Amino acid sequence: KDSGTSVHLVQKNADMATKANVLPEPGQAKLVFSNIGDKEAV
């Protein structure tokens, strides 16, 4: 990046994802849908 280097470093916490019930199944992805409004969302 220009005269330097850009860094993108990510670490996930599998235990916390399990506790929150959002850990994907092996080889899969997961999508969570939440509606905090005052009308039905589809």
PDB file of all heavy atoms in Angstrom:
ATOM      1  N   LYS A   1       0.849  -1.184   0.000  1.00  0.00           N
ATOM      2  CA  LYS A   1       0.000   0.000   0.000  1.00  0.00           C
ATOM      3  C   LYS A   1       0.880   1.227   0.000  1.00  0.00           C
ATOM      4  O   LYS A   1       1.563   1.521   0.977  1.00  0.00           O
ATOM      5  CB  LYS A   1      -0.929   0.008   1.211  1.00  0.00           C
ATOM      6  CG  LYS A   1      -1.902   1.174   1.217  1.00  0.00           C
ATOM      7  CD  LYS A   1      -2.880   1.079   2.372  1.00  0.00           C
ATOM      8  CE  LYS A   1      -3.865   2.239   2.323  1.00  0.00           C
ATOM      9  NZ  LYS A   1      -4.826   2.176   3.459  1.00  0.00           N
ATOM     10  N   ASP A   2       0.855   1.939  -1.121  1.00  0.00           N
ATOM     11  CA  ASP A   2       1.731   3.100  -1.291  1.00  0.00           C
ATOM     12  C   ASP A   2       3.169   2.670  -1.009  1.00  0.00           C
ATOM     13  O   ASP A   2       3.675   1.759  -1.621  1.00  0.00           O
ATOM     14  CB  ASP A   2       1.289   4.256  -0.387  1.00  0.00           C
ATOM     15  CG  ASP A   2      -0.141   4.704  -0.686  1.00  0.00           C
ATOM     16  OD1 ASP A   2      -0.521   4.654  -1.866  1.00  0.00           O
ATOM     17  OD2 ASP A   2      -0.863   5.068   0.247  1.00  0.00           O
ATOM     18  N   SER A   3       3.825   3.308  -0.022  1.00  0.00           N
ATOM     19  CA  SER A   3       5.202   2.941   0.294  1.00  0.00           C
ATOM     20  C   SER A   3       5.284   2.054   1.529  1.00  0.00           C
ATOM     21  O   SER A   3       6.361   1.873   2.087  1.00  0.00           O
ATOM     22  CB  SER A   3       6.045   4.206   0.512  1.00  0.00           C
ATOM     23  OG  SER A   3       5.464   5.028   1.501  1.00  0.00           O
ATOM     24  N   GLY A   4       4.133   1.485   1.947  1.00  0.00           N
ATOM     25  CA  GLY A   4       4.124   0.621   3.115  1.00  0.00           C
ATOM     26  C   GLY A   4       3.357  -0.662   2.856  1.00  0.00           C
ATOM     27  O   GLY A   4       3.230  -1.118   1.712  1.00  0.00           O
ATOM     28  N   THR A   5       2.835  -1.254   3.923  1.00  0.00           N
ATOM     29  CA  THR A   5       2.122  -2.528   3.838  1.00  0.00           C
ATOM     30  C   THR A   5       0.843  -2.436   4.658  1.00  0.00           C
ATOM     31  O   THR A   5       0.863  -2.022   5.818  1.00  0.00           O
ATOM     32  CB  THR A   5       2.994  -3.669   4.399  1.00  0.00           C
ATOM     33  OG1 THR A   5       4.196  -3.760   3.627  1.00  0.00           O
ATOM     34  CG2 THR A   5       2.265  -4.996   4.338  1.00  0.00           C
ATOM     35  N   SER A   6      -0.277  -2.830   4.059  1.00  0.00           N
ATOM     36  CA  SER A   6      -1.537  -2.890   4.791  1.00  0.00           C
ATOM     37  C   SER A   6      -1.655  -4.247   5.476  1.00  0.00           C
ATOM     38  O   SER A   6      -1.223  -5.269   4.952  1.00  0.00           O
ATOM     39  CB  SER A   6      -2.729  -2.659   3.865  1.00  0.00           C
ATOM     40  OG  SER A   6      -2.855  -3.716   2.935  1.00  0.00           O
ATOM     41  N   VAL A   7      -2.254  -4.245   6.661  1.00  0.00           N
ATOM     42  CA  VAL A   7      -2.393  -5.445   7.486  1.00  0.00           C
ATOM     43  C   VAL A   7      -3.867  -5.652   7.813  1.00  0.00           C
ATOM     44  O   VAL A   7      -4.561  -4.711   8.231  1.00  0.00           O
ATOM     45  CB  VAL A   7      -1.593  -5.311   8.793  1.00  0.00           C
ATOM     46  CG1 VAL A   7      -1.787  -6.553   9.676  1.00  0.00           C
ATOM     47  CG2 VAL A   7      -0.113  -5.080   8.505  1.00  0.00           C
ATOM     48  N   HIS A   8      -4.335  -6.878   7.639  1.00  0.00           N
ATOM     49  CA  HIS A   8      -5.685  -7.277   8.021  1.00  0.00           C
ATOM     50  C   HIS A   8      -5.533  -8.593   8.779  1.00  0.00           C
ATOM     51  O   HIS A   8      -5.229  -9.624   8.192  1.00  0.00           O
ATOM     52  CB  HIS A   8      -6.554  -7.455   6.774  1.00  0.00           C
ATOM     53  CG  HIS A   8      -7.951  -7.903   7.064  1.00  0.00           C
ATOM     54  ND1 HIS A   8      -9.032  -7.047   6.996  1.00  0.00           N
ATOM     55  CD2 HIS A   8      -8.457  -9.113   7.394  1.00  0.00           C
ATOM     56  CE1 HIS A   8     -10.131  -7.725   7.293  1.00  0.00           C
ATOM     57  NE2 HIS A   8      -9.804  -8.976   7.534  1.00  0.00           N
ATOM     58  N   LEU A   9      -5.720  -8.535  10.100  1.00  0.00           N
ATOM     59  CA  LEU A   9      -5.519  -9.710  10.952  1.00  0.00           C
ATOM     60  C   LEU A   9      -6.802  -9.969  11.738  1.00  0.00           C
ATOM     61  O   LEU A   9      -7.334  -9.065  12.382  1.00  0.00           O
ATOM     62  CB  LEU A   9      -4.352  -9.472  11.912  1.00  0.00           C
ATOM     63  CG  LEU A   9      -4.007 -10.602  12.892  1.00  0.00           C
ATOM     64  CD1 LEU A   9      -3.524 -11.850  12.147  1.00  0.00           C
ATOM     65  CD2 LEU A   9      -2.936 -10.130  13.891  1.00  0.00           C
ATOM     66  N   VAL A  10      -7.319 -11.194  11.679  1.00  0.00           N
ATOM     67  CA  VAL A  10      -8.571 -11.549  12.339  1.00  0.00           C
ATOM     68  C   VAL A  10      -8.368 -12.783  13.195  1.00  0.00           C
ATOM     69  O   VAL A  10      -7.714 -13.749  12.772  1.00  0.00           O
ATOM     70  CB  VAL A  10      -9.687 -11.837  11.307  1.00  0.00           C
ATOM     71  CG1 VAL A  10     -10.943 -12.350  12.005  1.00  0.00           C
ATOM     72  CG2 VAL A  10     -10.007 -10.590  10.507  1.00  0.00           C
ATOM     73  N   GLN A  11      -8.918 -12.753  14.401  1.00  0.00           N
ATOM     74  CA  GLN A  11      -8.935 -13.932  15.274  1.00  0.00           C
ATOM     75  C   GLN A  11     -10.367 -14.162  15.759  1.00  0.00           C
ATOM     76  O   GLN A  11     -11.044 -13.235  16.213  1.00  0.00           O
ATOM     77  CB  GLN A  11      -8.012 -13.761  16.469  1.00  0.00           C
ATOM     78  CG  GLN A  11      -7.935 -15.013  17.360  1.00  0.00           C
ATOM     79  CD  GLN A  11      -7.055 -14.809  18.582  1.00  0.00           C
ATOM     80  OE1 GLN A  11      -6.991 -13.709  19.137  1.00  0.00           O
ATOM     81  NE2 GLN A  11      -6.368 -15.855  19.003  1.00  0.00           N
ATOM     82  N   LYS A  12     -10.847 -15.423  15.650  1.00  0.00           N
ATOM     83  CA  LYS A  12     -12.186 -15.788  16.108  1.00  0.00           C
ATOM     84  C   LYS A  12     -12.086 -16.581  17.406  1.00  0.00           C
ATOM     85  O   LYS A  12     -11.087 -17.272  17.644  1.00  0.00           O
ATOM     86  CB  LYS A  12     -12.907 -16.623  15.048  1.00  0.00           C
ATOM     87  CG  LYS A  12     -13.110 -15.898  13.722  1.00  0.00           C
ATOM     88  CD  LYS A  12     -13.787 -16.814  12.713  1.00  0.00           C
ATOM     89  CE  LYS A  12     -14.046 -16.119  11.401  1.00  0.00           C
ATOM     90  NZ  LYS A  12     -14.735 -17.010  10.426  1.00  0.00           N
ATOM     91  N   ASN A  13     -13.140 -16.492  18.204  1.00  0.00           N
ATOM     92  CA  ASN A  13     -13.185 -17.211  19.475  1.00  0.00           C
ATOM     93  C   ASN A  13     -14.279 -18.272  19.398  1.00  0.00           C
ATOM     94  O   ASN A  13     -15.472 -17.974  19.525  1.00  0.00           O
ATOM     95  CB  ASN A  13     -13.457 -16.229  20.626  1.00  0.00           C
ATOM     96  CG  ASN A  13     -13.269 -16.861  21.992  1.00  0.00           C
ATOM     97  OD1 ASN A  13     -13.598 -18.018  22.200  1.00  0.00           O
ATOM     98  ND2 ASN A  13     -12.746 -16.081  22.931  1.00  0.00           N
ATOM     99  N   ALA A  14     -13.879 -19.515  19.179  1.00  0.00           N
ATOM    100  CA  ALA A  14     -14.845 -20.596  18.954  1.00  0.00           C
ATOM    101  C   ALA A  14     -15.684 -20.865  20.205  1.00  0.00           C
ATOM    102  O   ALA A  14     -16.889 -21.149  20.098  1.00  0.00           O
ATOM    103  CB  ALA A  14     -14.111 -21.862  18.531  1.00  0.00           C
ATOM    104  N   ASP A  15     -15.106 -20.779  21.397  1.00  0.00           N
ATOM    105  CA  ASP A  15     -15.865 -21.029  22.620  1.00  0.00           C
ATOM    106  C   ASP A  15     -16.966 -19.999  22.802  1.00  0.00           C
ATOM    107  O   ASP A  15     -18.096 -20.330  23.194  1.00  0.00           O
ATOM    108  CB  ASP A  15     -14.940 -21.021  23.842  1.00  0.00           C
ATOM    109  CG  ASP A  15     -14.078 -22.267  23.932  1.00  0.00           C
ATOM    110  OD1 ASP A  15     -14.393 -23.250  23.228  1.00  0.00           O
ATOM    111  OD2 ASP A  15     -13.108 -22.253  24.705  1.00  0.00           O
ATOM    112  N   MET A  16     -16.676 -18.730  22.517  1.00  0.00           N
ATOM    113  CA  MET A  16     -17.679 -17.677  22.668  1.00  0.00           C
ATOM    114  C   MET A  16     -18.780 -17.826  21.614  1.00  0.00           C
ATOM    115  O   MET A  16     -19.958 -17.570  21.901  1.00  0.00           O
ATOM    116  CB  MET A  16     -17.032 -16.297  22.568  1.00  0.00           C
ATOM    117  CG  MET A  16     -16.085 -15.963  23.711  1.00  0.00           C
ATOM    118  SD  MET A  16     -16.869 -16.010  25.355  1.00  0.00           S
ATOM    119  CE  MET A  16     -16.270 -17.595  25.977  1.00  0.00           C
ATOM    120  N   ALA A  17     -18.410 -18.227  20.403  1.00  0.00           N
ATOM    121  CA  ALA A  17     -19.423 -18.444  19.368  1.00  0.00           C
ATOM    122  C   ALA A  17     -20.337 -19.599  19.732  1.00  0.00           C
ATOM    123  O   ALA A  17     -21.550 -19.558  19.487  1.00  0.00           O
ATOM    124  CB  ALA A  17     -18.749 -18.700  18.023  1.00  0.00           C
ATOM    125  N   THR A  18     -19.778 -20.631  20.349  1.00  0.00           N
ATOM    126  CA  THR A  18     -20.600 -21.754  20.814  1.00  0.00           C
ATOM    127  C   THR A  18     -21.542 -21.306  21.924  1.00  0.00           C
ATOM    128  O   THR A  18     -22.735 -21.648  21.925  1.00  0.00           O
ATOM    129  CB  THR A  18     -19.694 -22.893  21.322  1.00  0.00           C
ATOM    130  OG1 THR A  18     -18.862 -23.350  20.259  1.00  0.00           O
ATOM    131  CG2 THR A  18     -20.524 -24.055  21.831  1.00  0.00           C
ATOM    132  N   LYS A  19     -21.030 -20.523  22.844  1.00  0.00           N
ATOM    133  CA  LYS A  19     -21.851 -20.019  23.946  1.00  0.00           C
ATOM    134  C   LYS A  19     -22.986 -19.143  23.438  1.00  0.00           C
ATOM    135  O   LYS A  19     -24.103 -19.179  23.974  1.00  0.00           O
ATOM    136  CB  LYS A  19     -20.968 -19.237  24.921  1.00  0.00           C
ATOM    137  CG  LYS A  19     -21.684 -18.758  26.169  1.00  0.00           C
ATOM    138  CD  LYS A  19     -20.716 -18.082  27.115  1.00  0.00           C
ATOM    139  CE  LYS A  19     -21.427 -17.595  28.378  1.00  0.00           C
ATOM    140  NZ  LYS A  19     -20.483 -16.929  29.321  1.00  0.00           N
ATOM    141  N   ALA A  20     -22.723 -18.365  22.393  1.00  0.00           N
ATOM    142  CA  ALA A  20     -23.742 -17.479  21.818  1.00  0.00           C
ATOM    143  C   ALA A  20     -24.651 -18.196  20.829  1.00  0.00           C
ATOM    144  O   ALA A  20     -25.572 -17.582  20.293  1.00  0.00           O
ATOM    145  CB  ALA A  20     -23.061 -16.297  21.123  1.00  0.00           C
ATOM    146  N   ASN A  21     -24.382 -19.472  20.565  1.00  0.00           N
ATOM    147  CA  ASN A  21     -25.183 -20.281  19.644  1.00  0.00           C
ATOM    148  C   ASN A  21     -25.101 -19.767  18.206  1.00  0.00           C
ATOM    149  O   ASN A  21     -26.080 -19.798  17.467  1.00  0.00           O
ATOM    150  CB  ASN A  21     -26.651 -20.341  20.088  1.00  0.00           C
ATOM    151  CG  ASN A  21     -27.400 -21.500  19.453  1.00  0.00           C
ATOM    152  OD1 ASN A  21     -26.805 -22.487  19.028  1.00  0.00           O
ATOM    153  ND2 ASN A  21     -28.708 -21.382  19.380  1.00  0.00           N
ATOM    154  N   VAL A  22     -23.930 -19.282  17.810  1.00  0.00           N
ATOM    155  CA  VAL A  22     -23.753 -18.799  16.442  1.00  0.00           C
ATOM    156  C   VAL A  22     -22.569 -19.485  15.745  1.00  0.00           C
ATOM    157  O   VAL A  22     -22.118 -19.021  14.691  1.00  0.00           O
ATOM    158  CB  VAL A  22     -23.563 -17.261  16.396  1.00  0.00           C
ATOM    159  CG1 VAL A  22     -24.800 -16.557  16.914  1.00  0.00           C
ATOM    160  CG2 VAL A  22     -22.318 -16.826  17.163  1.00  0.00           C
ATOM    161  N   LEU A  23     -22.076 -20.583  16.299  1.00  0.00           N
ATOM    162  CA  LEU A  23     -20.965 -21.285  15.659  1.00  0.00           C
ATOM    163  C   LEU A  23     -21.497 -22.075  14.463  1.00  0.00           C
ATOM    164  O   LEU A  23     -22.422 -22.881  14.610  1.00  0.00           O
ATOM    165  CB  LEU A  23     -20.295 -22.235  16.650  1.00  0.00           C
ATOM    166  CG  LEU A  23     -19.047 -22.956  16.137  1.00  0.00           C
ATOM    167  CD1 LEU A  23     -17.886 -21.976  15.992  1.00  0.00           C
ATOM    168  CD2 LEU A  23     -18.657 -24.091  17.084  1.00  0.00           C
ATOM    169  N   PRO A  24     -20.937 -21.894  13.259  1.00  0.00           N
ATOM    170  CA  PRO A  24     -21.416 -22.642  12.097  1.00  0.00           C
ATOM    171  C   PRO A  24     -21.075 -24.133  12.201  1.00  0.00           C
ATOM    172  O   PRO A  24     -20.125 -24.516  12.873  1.00  0.00           O
ATOM    173  CB  PRO A  24     -20.654 -22.003  10.922  1.00  0.00           C
ATOM    174  CG  PRO A  24     -20.080 -20.737  11.455  1.00  0.00           C
ATOM    175  CD  PRO A  24     -19.883 -20.935  12.907  1.00  0.00           C
ATOM    176  N   GLU A  25     -21.865 -24.940  11.528  1.00  0.00           N
ATOM    177  CA  GLU A  25     -21.532 -26.355  11.395  1.00  0.00           C
ATOM    178  C   GLU A  25     -20.270 -26.484  10.544  1.00  0.00           C
ATOM    179  O   GLU A  25     -19.967 -25.611   9.721  1.00  0.00           O
ATOM    180  CB  GLU A  25     -22.684 -27.106  10.724  1.00  0.00           C
ATOM    181  CG  GLU A  25     -23.972 -27.140  11.537  1.00  0.00           C
ATOM    182  CD  GLU A  25     -23.840 -27.964  12.795  1.00  0.00           C
ATOM    183  OE1 GLU A  25     -23.006 -28.893  12.805  1.00  0.00           O
ATOM    184  OE2 GLU A  25     -24.560 -27.675  13.773  1.00  0.00           O
ATOM    185  N   PRO A  26     -19.484 -27.546  10.712  1.00  0.00           N
ATOM    186  CA  PRO A  26     -18.259 -27.715   9.915  1.00  0.00           C
ATOM    187  C   PRO A  26     -18.554 -27.638   8.419  1.00  0.00           C
ATOM    188  O   PRO A  26     -19.484 -28.281   7.912  1.00  0.00           O
ATOM    189  CB  PRO A  26     -17.779 -29.121  10.311  1.00  0.00           C
ATOM    190  CG  PRO A  26     -18.317 -29.323  11.697  1.00  0.00           C
ATOM    191  CD  PRO A  26     -19.658 -28.638  11.707  1.00  0.00           C
ATOM    192  N   GLY A  27     -17.783 -26.815   7.732  1.00  0.00           N
ATOM    193  CA  GLY A  27     -17.937 -26.657   6.292  1.00  0.00           C
ATOM    194  C   GLY A  27     -19.099 -25.793   5.871  1.00  0.00           C
ATOM    195  O   GLY A  27     -19.341 -25.611   4.668  1.00  0.00           O
ATOM    196  N   GLN A  28     -19.843 -25.231   6.827  1.00  0.00           N
ATOM    197  CA  GLN A  28     -21.015 -24.423   6.529  1.00  0.00           C
ATOM    198  C   GLN A  28     -20.806 -22.980   6.982  1.00  0.00           C
ATOM    199  O   GLN A  28     -19.860 -22.659   7.709  1.00  0.00           O
ATOM    200  CB  GLN A  28     -22.241 -24.997   7.238  1.00  0.00           C
ATOM    201  CG  GLN A  28     -22.629 -26.392   6.791  1.00  0.00           C
ATOM    202  CD  GLN A  28     -23.274 -26.386   5.420  1.00  0.00           C
ATOM    203  OE1 GLN A  28     -24.349 -25.832   5.225  1.00  0.00           O
ATOM    204  NE2 GLN A  28     -22.614 -27.004   4.458  1.00  0.00           N
ATOM    205  N   ALA A  29     -21.715 -22.114   6.540  1.00  0.00           N
ATOM    206  CA  ALA A  29     -21.807 -20.752   7.059  1.00  0.00           C
ATOM    207  C   ALA A  29     -23.127 -20.630   7.808  1.00  0.00           C
ATOM    208  O   ALA A  29     -24.016 -21.473   7.671  1.00  0.00           O
ATOM    209  CB  ALA A  29     -21.739 -19.740   5.924  1.00  0.00           C
ATOM    210  N   LYS A  30     -23.258 -19.583   8.616  1.00  0.00           N
ATOM    211  CA  LYS A  30     -24.487 -19.359   9.364  1.00  0.00           C
ATOM    212  C   LYS A  30     -24.937 -17.919   9.180  1.00  0.00           C
ATOM    213  O   LYS A  30     -24.112 -16.998   9.116  1.00  0.00           O
ATOM    214  CB  LYS A  30     -24.288 -19.664  10.845  1.00  0.00           C
ATOM    215  CG  LYS A  30     -25.580 -19.637  11.669  1.00  0.00           C
ATOM    216  CD  LYS A  30     -25.312 -19.948  13.137  1.00  0.00           C
ATOM    217  CE  LYS A  30     -24.994 -21.408  13.381  1.00  0.00           C
ATOM    218  NZ  LYS A  30     -26.164 -22.288  13.164  1.00  0.00           N
ATOM    219  N   LEU A  31     -26.259 -17.737   9.080  1.00  0.00           N
ATOM    220  CA  LEU A  31     -26.850 -16.405   8.976  1.00  0.00           C
ATOM    221  C   LEU A  31     -27.854 -16.227  10.099  1.00  0.00           C
ATOM    222  O   LEU A  31     -28.730 -17.065  10.305  1.00  0.00           O
ATOM    223  CB  LEU A  31     -27.556 -16.241   7.623  1.00  0.00           C
ATOM    224  CG  LEU A  31     -28.333 -14.930   7.419  1.00  0.00           C
ATOM    225  CD1 LEU A  31     -27.381 -13.733   7.447  1.00  0.00           C
ATOM    226  CD2 LEU A  31     -29.118 -14.969   6.117  1.00  0.00           C
ATOM    227  N   VAL A  32     -27.733 -15.123  10.848  1.00  0.00           N
ATOM    228  CA  VAL A  32     -28.642 -14.791  11.934  1.00  0.00           C
ATOM    229  C   VAL A  32     -29.521 -13.629  11.480  1.00  0.00           C
ATOM    230  O   VAL A  32     -29.025 -12.633  10.955  1.00  0.00           O
ATOM    231  CB  VAL A  32     -27.864 -14.404  13.206  1.00  0.00           C
ATOM    232  CG1 VAL A  32     -28.809 -13.920  14.303  1.00  0.00           C
ATOM    233  CG2 VAL A  32     -27.032 -15.586  13.696  1.00  0.00           C
ATOM    234  N   PHE A  33     -30.843 -13.767  11.658  1.00  0.00           N
ATOM    235  CA  PHE A  33     -31.810 -12.740  11.264  1.00  0.00           C
ATOM    236  C   PHE A  33     -32.507 -12.226  12.510  1.00  0.00           C
ATOM    237  O   PHE A  33     -33.111 -12.987  13.262  1.00  0.00           O
ATOM    238  CB  PHE A  33     -32.816 -13.333  10.278  1.00  0.00           C
ATOM    239  CG  PHE A  33     -33.938 -12.403   9.884  1.00  0.00           C
ATOM    240  CD1 PHE A  33     -33.734 -11.036   9.736  1.00  0.00           C
ATOM    241  CD2 PHE A  33     -35.207 -12.899   9.658  1.00  0.00           C
ATOM    242  CE1 PHE A  33     -34.752 -10.187   9.381  1.00  0.00           C
ATOM    243  CE2 PHE A  33     -36.251 -12.062   9.290  1.00  0.00           C
ATOM    244  CZ  PHE A  33     -36.022 -10.700   9.154  1.00  0.00           C
ATOM    245  N   SER A  34     -32.427 -10.895  12.724  1.00  0.00           N
ATOM    246  CA  SER A  34     -32.981 -10.278  13.918  1.00  0.00           C
ATOM    247  C   SER A  34     -33.827  -9.071  13.538  1.00  0.00           C
ATOM    248  O   SER A  34     -33.430  -8.273  12.678  1.00  0.00           O
ATOM    249  CB  SER A  34     -31.846  -9.845  14.853  1.00  0.00           C
ATOM    250  OG  SER A  34     -32.340  -9.210  16.001  1.00  0.00           O
ATOM    251  N   ASN A  35     -34.961  -8.932  14.181  1.00  0.00           N
ATOM    252  CA  ASN A  35     -35.853  -7.787  13.960  1.00  0.00           C
ATOM    253  C   ASN A  35     -36.086  -7.099  15.297  1.00  0.00           C
ATOM    254  O   ASN A  35     -36.774  -7.633  16.168  1.00  0.00           O
ATOM    255  CB  ASN A  35     -37.186  -8.252  13.359  1.00  0.00           C
ATOM    256  CG  ASN A  35     -38.175  -7.104  13.193  1.00  0.00           C
ATOM    257  OD1 ASN A  35     -37.799  -5.927  13.174  1.00  0.00           O
ATOM    258  ND2 ASN A  35     -39.446  -7.436  13.075  1.00  0.00           N
ATOM    259  N   ILE A  36     -35.526  -5.904  15.466  1.00  0.00           N
ATOM    260  CA  ILE A  36     -35.724  -5.159  16.712  1.00  0.00           C
ATOM    261  C   ILE A  36     -36.640  -3.966  16.490  1.00  0.00           C
ATOM    262  O   ILE A  36     -36.758  -3.094  17.357  1.00  0.00           O
ATOM    263  CB  ILE A  36     -34.378  -4.703  17.311  1.00  0.00           C
ATOM    264  CG1 ILE A  36     -33.635  -3.765  16.362  1.00  0.00           C
ATOM    265  CG2 ILE A  36     -33.513  -5.909  17.677  1.00  0.00           C
ATOM    266  CD1 ILE A  36     -32.366  -3.173  16.982  1.00  0.00           C
ATOM    267  N   GLY A  37     -37.284  -3.907  15.318  1.00  0.00           N
ATOM    268  CA  GLY A  37     -38.230  -2.839  15.041  1.00  0.00           C
ATOM    269  C   GLY A  37     -39.602  -3.126  15.637  1.00  0.00           C
ATOM    270  O   GLY A  37     -39.816  -4.133  16.311  1.00  0.00           O
ATOM    271  N   ASP A  38     -40.567  -2.218  15.360  1.00  0.00           N
ATOM    272  CA  ASP A  38     -41.908  -2.363  15.920  1.00  0.00           C
ATOM    273  C   ASP A  38     -42.916  -2.864  14.885  1.00  0.00           C
ATOM    274  O   ASP A  38     -44.119  -2.831  15.122  1.00  0.00           O
ATOM    275  CB  ASP A  38     -42.388  -1.040  16.525  1.00  0.00           C
ATOM    276  CG  ASP A  38     -42.377   0.111  15.522  1.00  0.00           C
ATOM    277  OD1 ASP A  38     -42.086  -0.135  14.328  1.00  0.00           O
ATOM    278  OD2 ASP A  38     -42.653   1.249  15.929  1.00  0.00           O
ATOM    279  N   LYS A  39     -42.418  -3.348  13.733  1.00  0.00           N
ATOM    280  CA  LYS A  39     -43.276  -3.925  12.708  1.00  0.00           C
ATOM    281  C   LYS A  39     -42.681  -5.246  12.240  1.00  0.00           C
ATOM    282  O   LYS A  39     -41.479  -5.484  12.388  1.00  0.00           O
ATOM    283  CB  LYS A  39     -43.424  -2.975  11.515  1.00  0.00           C
ATOM    284  CG  LYS A  39     -44.103  -1.654  11.838  1.00  0.00           C
ATOM    285  CD  LYS A  39     -44.188  -0.776  10.596  1.00  0.00           C
ATOM    286  CE  LYS A  39     -44.844   0.567  10.914  1.00  0.00           C
ATOM    287  NZ  LYS A  39     -44.913   1.437   9.718  1.00  0.00           N
ATOM    288  N   GLU A  40     -43.519  -6.080  11.659  1.00  0.00           N
ATOM    289  CA  GLU A  40     -43.024  -7.349  11.137  1.00  0.00           C
ATOM    290  C   GLU A  40     -42.012  -7.106  10.016  1.00  0.00           C
ATOM    291  O   GLU A  40     -42.193  -6.207   9.187  1.00  0.00           O
ATOM    292  CB  GLU A  40     -44.180  -8.189  10.598  1.00  0.00           C
ATOM    293  CG  GLU A  40     -43.733  -9.535  10.038  1.00  0.00           C
ATOM    294  CD  GLU A  40     -44.898 -10.344   9.479  1.00  0.00           C
ATOM    295  OE1 GLU A  40     -45.387  -9.993   8.391  1.00  0.00           O
ATOM    296  OE2 GLU A  40     -45.292 -11.325  10.130  1.00  0.00           O
ATOM    297  N   ALA A  41     -40.949  -7.887   9.992  1.00  0.00           N
ATOM    298  CA  ALA A  41     -39.949  -7.826   8.921  1.00  0.00           C
ATOM    299  C   ALA A  41     -39.912  -9.173   8.225  1.00  0.00           C
ATOM    300  O   ALA A  41     -40.090 -10.216   8.860  1.00  0.00           O
ATOM    301  CB  ALA A  41     -38.578  -7.480   9.485  1.00  0.00           C
ATOM    302  N   VAL A  42     -39.681  -9.153   6.924  1.00  0.00           N
ATOM    303  CA  VAL A  42     -39.670 -10.378   6.130  1.00  0.00           C
ATOM    304  C   VAL A  42     -38.346 -10.483   5.385  1.00  0.00           C
ATOM    305  O   VAL A  42     -37.973  -9.567   4.642  1.00  0.00           O
ATOM    306  CB  VAL A  42     -40.848 -10.418   5.136  1.00  0.00           C
ATOM    307  CG1 VAL A  42     -40.787 -11.704   4.312  1.00  0.00           C
ATOM    308  CG2 VAL A  42     -42.172 -10.323   5.878  1.00  0.00           C
TER     309      VAL A  42
END
